[in-house]
Amino acid sequence: MDHVLRLSYPDILKKTVQAATVNQPRLQAIKLYPVCDRDSGHFLVLATGWDKQQWMDTILLHARLVGNQVVIEEDNFEESLTQVLIAEGIDKEDIVSDREPMFL
């Protein structure tokens, strides 16, 4: 019998956040940082650096793990990381947003 290794929601969030910061060549002067705090349930992608003549310091993704739900506070990636989370194994029904209804 084959056993399928299923990652937990915190593992999926961490993997997705870390992968999102690895390869962003078009951002050049802007650095992306993964922030994964399993204890508090917060998973973020921070972007800092110079964008033209202005300093940028913003949150590109903020997801909170609350019980069995992933609350998306921000998802400012061109290609939504919410969709990546679903593809990686988080149930669509377990993803919610505090800001507006999610149309996934």
N, C-alpha and C. Protein backbone atom coordinates (compact mmCIF):
# COMPACT_ATOMS: atom_id res chain seq x y z
N MET A 1 0.85 -1.17 0.00
CA MET A 1 0.00 0.00 0.00
C MET A 1 0.89 1.24 0.00
N ASP A 2 0.59 2.16 -0.91
CA ASP A 2 1.35 3.41 -0.97
C ASP A 2 0.81 4.40 0.04
N HIS A 3 1.73 5.01 0.76
CA HIS A 3 1.34 6.05 1.71
C HIS A 3 1.69 7.40 1.10
N VAL A 4 0.70 8.25 0.98
CA VAL A 4 0.92 9.58 0.43
C VAL A 4 1.24 10.51 1.58
N LEU A 5 2.38 11.18 1.48
CA LEU A 5 2.77 12.15 2.50
C LEU A 5 2.01 13.43 2.25
N ARG A 6 1.18 13.81 3.19
CA ARG A 6 0.39 15.03 3.06
C ARG A 6 0.95 16.06 4.03
N LEU A 7 1.33 17.19 3.49
CA LEU A 7 1.89 18.26 4.31
C LEU A 7 0.78 18.92 5.13
N SER A 8 1.14 19.37 6.31
CA SER A 8 0.19 20.10 7.14
C SER A 8 0.05 21.52 6.61
N TYR A 9 -1.01 22.21 7.01
CA TYR A 9 -1.22 23.58 6.56
C TYR A 9 -0.04 24.49 6.89
N PRO A 10 0.54 24.42 8.11
CA PRO A 10 1.71 25.26 8.37
C PRO A 10 2.88 24.94 7.42
N ASP A 11 3.07 23.66 7.10
CA ASP A 11 4.14 23.27 6.18
C ASP A 11 3.88 23.84 4.78
N ILE A 12 2.64 23.77 4.32
CA ILE A 12 2.28 24.29 3.00
C ILE A 12 2.47 25.80 2.96
N LEU A 13 2.03 26.48 4.00
CA LEU A 13 2.20 27.93 4.05
C LEU A 13 3.67 28.32 4.02
N LYS A 14 4.48 27.64 4.82
CA LYS A 14 5.91 27.94 4.86
C LYS A 14 6.57 27.68 3.51
N LYS A 15 6.27 26.54 2.92
CA LYS A 15 6.84 26.18 1.62
C LYS A 15 6.47 27.22 0.55
N THR A 16 5.21 27.64 0.54
CA THR A 16 4.72 28.60 -0.45
C THR A 16 5.36 29.97 -0.26
N VAL A 17 5.43 30.43 0.98
CA VAL A 17 6.03 31.73 1.28
C VAL A 17 7.51 31.73 0.91
N GLN A 18 8.22 30.68 1.25
CA GLN A 18 9.64 30.61 0.92
C GLN A 18 9.87 30.54 -0.59
N ALA A 19 9.06 29.78 -1.28
CA ALA A 19 9.20 29.66 -2.74
C ALA A 19 8.91 30.99 -3.44
N ALA A 20 7.98 31.76 -2.90
CA ALA A 20 7.60 33.04 -3.52
C ALA A 20 8.71 34.07 -3.45
N THR A 21 9.65 33.88 -2.54
CA THR A 21 10.73 34.86 -2.38
C THR A 21 12.00 34.49 -3.13
N VAL A 22 12.04 33.32 -3.71
CA VAL A 22 13.28 32.82 -4.30
C VAL A 22 13.65 33.51 -5.61
N ASN A 23 12.76 33.53 -6.56
CA ASN A 23 13.15 33.95 -7.90
C ASN A 23 12.23 35.05 -8.43
N GLN A 24 12.60 36.29 -8.22
CA GLN A 24 11.83 37.42 -8.72
C GLN A 24 12.77 38.37 -9.47
N PRO A 25 13.29 37.96 -10.64
CA PRO A 25 14.31 38.75 -11.33
C PRO A 25 13.84 40.13 -11.77
N ARG A 26 12.58 40.33 -12.05
CA ARG A 26 12.13 41.64 -12.52
C ARG A 26 12.07 42.68 -11.41
N LEU A 27 12.18 42.24 -10.17
CA LEU A 27 12.14 43.20 -9.06
C LEU A 27 13.50 43.86 -8.80
N GLN A 28 14.57 43.29 -9.30
CA GLN A 28 15.93 43.79 -9.22
C GLN A 28 16.31 44.41 -7.88
N ALA A 29 16.01 45.68 -7.64
CA ALA A 29 16.47 46.37 -6.44
C ALA A 29 15.60 46.10 -5.22
N ILE A 30 14.55 45.35 -5.39
CA ILE A 30 13.64 45.05 -4.29
C ILE A 30 13.90 43.62 -3.82
N LYS A 31 14.07 43.46 -2.52
CA LYS A 31 14.30 42.13 -1.94
C LYS A 31 13.02 41.64 -1.28
N LEU A 32 12.77 40.35 -1.44
CA LEU A 32 11.62 39.72 -0.81
C LEU A 32 12.10 38.86 0.34
N TYR A 33 11.37 38.92 1.45
CA TYR A 33 11.74 38.18 2.65
C TYR A 33 10.56 37.32 3.12
N PRO A 34 10.81 36.03 3.36
CA PRO A 34 9.76 35.19 3.94
C PRO A 34 9.76 35.34 5.46
N VAL A 35 8.59 35.45 6.03
CA VAL A 35 8.44 35.48 7.49
C VAL A 35 7.41 34.42 7.84
N CYS A 36 7.87 33.40 8.55
CA CYS A 36 7.01 32.26 8.89
C CYS A 36 7.07 32.03 10.40
N ASP A 37 6.00 32.34 11.08
CA ASP A 37 5.94 32.16 12.53
C ASP A 37 4.83 31.16 12.85
N ARG A 38 5.22 29.91 12.99
CA ARG A 38 4.25 28.85 13.27
C ARG A 38 3.54 29.07 14.61
N ASP A 39 4.26 29.60 15.61
CA ASP A 39 3.67 29.77 16.94
C ASP A 39 2.48 30.74 16.91
N SER A 40 2.63 31.86 16.19
CA SER A 40 1.54 32.83 16.13
C SER A 40 0.60 32.56 14.95
N GLY A 41 1.04 31.72 14.00
CA GLY A 41 0.22 31.40 12.84
C GLY A 41 0.28 32.44 11.73
N HIS A 42 1.30 33.29 11.73
CA HIS A 42 1.42 34.33 10.70
C HIS A 42 2.49 33.94 9.69
N PHE A 43 2.13 34.11 8.40
CA PHE A 43 3.03 33.81 7.30
C PHE A 43 2.97 34.99 6.34
N LEU A 44 4.15 35.63 6.10
CA LEU A 44 4.19 36.84 5.30
C LEU A 44 5.30 36.80 4.26
N VAL A 45 5.10 37.60 3.22
CA VAL A 45 6.17 37.92 2.28
C VAL A 45 6.31 39.43 2.34
N LEU A 46 7.49 39.88 2.77
CA LEU A 46 7.79 41.31 2.85
C LEU A 46 8.63 41.71 1.65
N ALA A 47 8.38 42.93 1.14
CA ALA A 47 9.18 43.47 0.04
C ALA A 47 9.76 44.80 0.49
N THR A 48 11.09 44.92 0.39
CA THR A 48 11.75 46.18 0.73
C THR A 48 12.80 46.50 -0.31
N GLY A 49 13.03 47.79 -0.50
CA GLY A 49 14.06 48.24 -1.43
C GLY A 49 13.62 49.48 -2.17
N TRP A 50 14.47 49.93 -3.07
CA TRP A 50 14.20 51.15 -3.83
C TRP A 50 13.45 50.81 -5.11
N ASP A 51 12.31 51.46 -5.29
CA ASP A 51 11.51 51.36 -6.50
C ASP A 51 11.55 52.73 -7.15
N LYS A 52 12.38 52.87 -8.18
CA LYS A 52 12.68 54.15 -8.80
C LYS A 52 13.32 55.05 -7.76
N GLN A 53 12.69 56.13 -7.38
CA GLN A 53 13.27 57.06 -6.41
C GLN A 53 12.63 56.95 -5.03
N GLN A 54 11.84 55.93 -4.82
CA GLN A 54 11.07 55.82 -3.58
C GLN A 54 11.38 54.51 -2.85
N TRP A 55 11.53 54.59 -1.53
CA TRP A 55 11.75 53.40 -0.72
C TRP A 55 10.43 52.63 -0.60
N MET A 56 10.51 51.34 -0.78
CA MET A 56 9.33 50.48 -0.70
C MET A 56 9.49 49.55 0.49
N ASP A 57 8.47 49.45 1.29
CA ASP A 57 8.43 48.55 2.45
C ASP A 57 6.98 48.11 2.60
N THR A 58 6.66 46.95 2.07
CA THR A 58 5.27 46.54 2.02
C THR A 58 5.11 45.04 2.23
N ILE A 59 3.91 44.65 2.55
CA ILE A 59 3.54 43.24 2.70
C ILE A 59 2.89 42.78 1.40
N LEU A 60 3.49 41.79 0.76
CA LEU A 60 2.91 41.24 -0.47
C LEU A 60 1.91 40.14 -0.16
N LEU A 61 2.19 39.37 0.88
CA LEU A 61 1.27 38.31 1.30
C LEU A 61 1.24 38.28 2.82
N HIS A 62 0.04 38.19 3.36
CA HIS A 62 -0.12 37.95 4.79
C HIS A 62 -1.24 36.92 4.94
N ALA A 63 -0.87 35.75 5.41
CA ALA A 63 -1.83 34.69 5.68
C ALA A 63 -1.73 34.31 7.15
N ARG A 64 -2.89 34.13 7.78
CA ARG A 64 -2.93 33.70 9.18
C ARG A 64 -3.57 32.33 9.25
N LEU A 65 -2.98 31.48 10.07
CA LEU A 65 -3.56 30.16 10.30
C LEU A 65 -4.35 30.24 11.60
N VAL A 66 -5.66 30.09 11.47
CA VAL A 66 -6.56 30.15 12.63
C VAL A 66 -7.32 28.84 12.68
N GLY A 67 -6.92 27.99 13.61
CA GLY A 67 -7.54 26.66 13.67
C GLY A 67 -7.25 25.91 12.39
N ASN A 68 -8.30 25.51 11.70
CA ASN A 68 -8.16 24.79 10.44
C ASN A 68 -8.40 25.68 9.24
N GLN A 69 -8.39 26.99 9.44
CA GLN A 69 -8.62 27.91 8.34
C GLN A 69 -7.40 28.77 8.08
N VAL A 70 -7.22 29.12 6.81
CA VAL A 70 -6.18 30.04 6.39
C VAL A 70 -6.88 31.35 6.03
N VAL A 71 -6.59 32.38 6.81
CA VAL A 71 -7.20 33.69 6.58
C VAL A 71 -6.22 34.51 5.75
N ILE A 72 -6.63 34.91 4.56
CA ILE A 72 -5.80 35.72 3.69
C ILE A 72 -6.08 37.19 4.00
N GLU A 73 -5.10 37.85 4.58
CA GLU A 73 -5.22 39.28 4.89
C GLU A 73 -4.81 40.13 3.69
N GLU A 74 -3.76 39.71 3.01
CA GLU A 74 -3.25 40.39 1.81
C GLU A 74 -2.74 39.33 0.85
N ASP A 75 -3.00 39.53 -0.44
CA ASP A 75 -2.38 38.71 -1.48
C ASP A 75 -2.17 39.63 -2.67
N ASN A 76 -1.03 40.29 -2.69
CA ASN A 76 -0.73 41.30 -3.69
C ASN A 76 0.20 40.80 -4.79
N PHE A 77 0.27 39.50 -4.98
CA PHE A 77 1.06 38.93 -6.06
C PHE A 77 0.23 38.96 -7.35
N GLU A 78 0.90 39.22 -8.47
CA GLU A 78 0.21 39.24 -9.76
C GLU A 78 -0.52 37.93 -9.99
N GLU A 79 0.18 36.84 -9.79
CA GLU A 79 -0.44 35.53 -9.87
C GLU A 79 -0.68 35.08 -8.44
N SER A 80 -1.90 35.11 -8.03
CA SER A 80 -2.30 34.91 -6.64
C SER A 80 -1.63 33.72 -5.97
N LEU A 81 -1.06 33.97 -4.80
CA LEU A 81 -0.51 32.85 -4.02
C LEU A 81 -1.63 32.02 -3.40
N THR A 82 -2.81 32.58 -3.31
CA THR A 82 -3.95 31.82 -2.81
C THR A 82 -4.17 30.59 -3.69
N GLN A 83 -4.05 30.77 -4.99
CA GLN A 83 -4.21 29.65 -5.91
C GLN A 83 -3.10 28.62 -5.73
N VAL A 84 -1.90 29.08 -5.42
CA VAL A 84 -0.79 28.16 -5.17
C VAL A 84 -1.06 27.35 -3.90
N LEU A 85 -1.59 27.99 -2.88
CA LEU A 85 -1.91 27.28 -1.64
C LEU A 85 -2.91 26.14 -1.89
N ILE A 86 -3.88 26.41 -2.73
CA ILE A 86 -4.88 25.38 -3.08
C ILE A 86 -4.20 24.25 -3.85
N ALA A 87 -3.36 24.61 -4.81
CA ALA A 87 -2.66 23.60 -5.61
C ALA A 87 -1.73 22.75 -4.75
N GLU A 88 -1.20 23.33 -3.67
CA GLU A 88 -0.28 22.61 -2.78
C GLU A 88 -1.01 21.73 -1.77
N GLY A 89 -2.34 21.87 -1.65
CA GLY A 89 -3.07 20.95 -0.78
C GLY A 89 -3.97 21.56 0.28
N ILE A 90 -4.07 22.88 0.32
CA ILE A 90 -5.01 23.49 1.27
C ILE A 90 -6.40 23.47 0.64
N ASP A 91 -7.37 22.95 1.37
CA ASP A 91 -8.73 22.87 0.84
C ASP A 91 -9.28 24.27 0.58
N LYS A 92 -9.88 24.42 -0.58
CA LYS A 92 -10.46 25.71 -1.00
C LYS A 92 -11.43 26.24 0.07
N GLU A 93 -12.18 25.34 0.68
CA GLU A 93 -13.18 25.73 1.69
C GLU A 93 -12.53 26.25 2.97
N ASP A 94 -11.25 25.93 3.17
CA ASP A 94 -10.55 26.36 4.38
C ASP A 94 -9.84 27.71 4.21
N ILE A 95 -9.98 28.33 3.04
CA ILE A 95 -9.36 29.63 2.79
C ILE A 95 -10.43 30.69 2.83
N VAL A 96 -10.23 31.68 3.69
CA VAL A 96 -11.18 32.79 3.83
C VAL A 96 -10.42 34.10 3.81
N SER A 97 -11.17 35.18 3.61
CA SER A 97 -10.58 36.51 3.63
C SER A 97 -11.38 37.39 4.56
N ASP A 98 -10.67 38.19 5.37
CA ASP A 98 -11.35 39.14 6.25
C ASP A 98 -11.80 40.38 5.49
N ARG A 99 -11.24 40.60 4.32
CA ARG A 99 -11.48 41.85 3.60
C ARG A 99 -12.65 41.78 2.64
N GLU A 100 -12.74 40.72 1.88
CA GLU A 100 -13.79 40.61 0.88
C GLU A 100 -14.02 39.14 0.56
N PRO A 101 -15.14 38.82 -0.05
CA PRO A 101 -15.38 37.41 -0.40
C PRO A 101 -14.31 36.92 -1.37
N MET A 102 -13.91 35.68 -1.19
CA MET A 102 -12.92 35.08 -2.08
C MET A 102 -13.66 34.42 -3.25
N PHE A 103 -13.28 34.75 -4.45
CA PHE A 103 -13.85 34.12 -5.63
C PHE A 103 -12.75 33.27 -6.24
N LEU A 104 -12.66 32.03 -5.81
CA LEU A 104 -11.58 31.15 -6.23
C LEU A 104 -12.06 30.22 -7.32
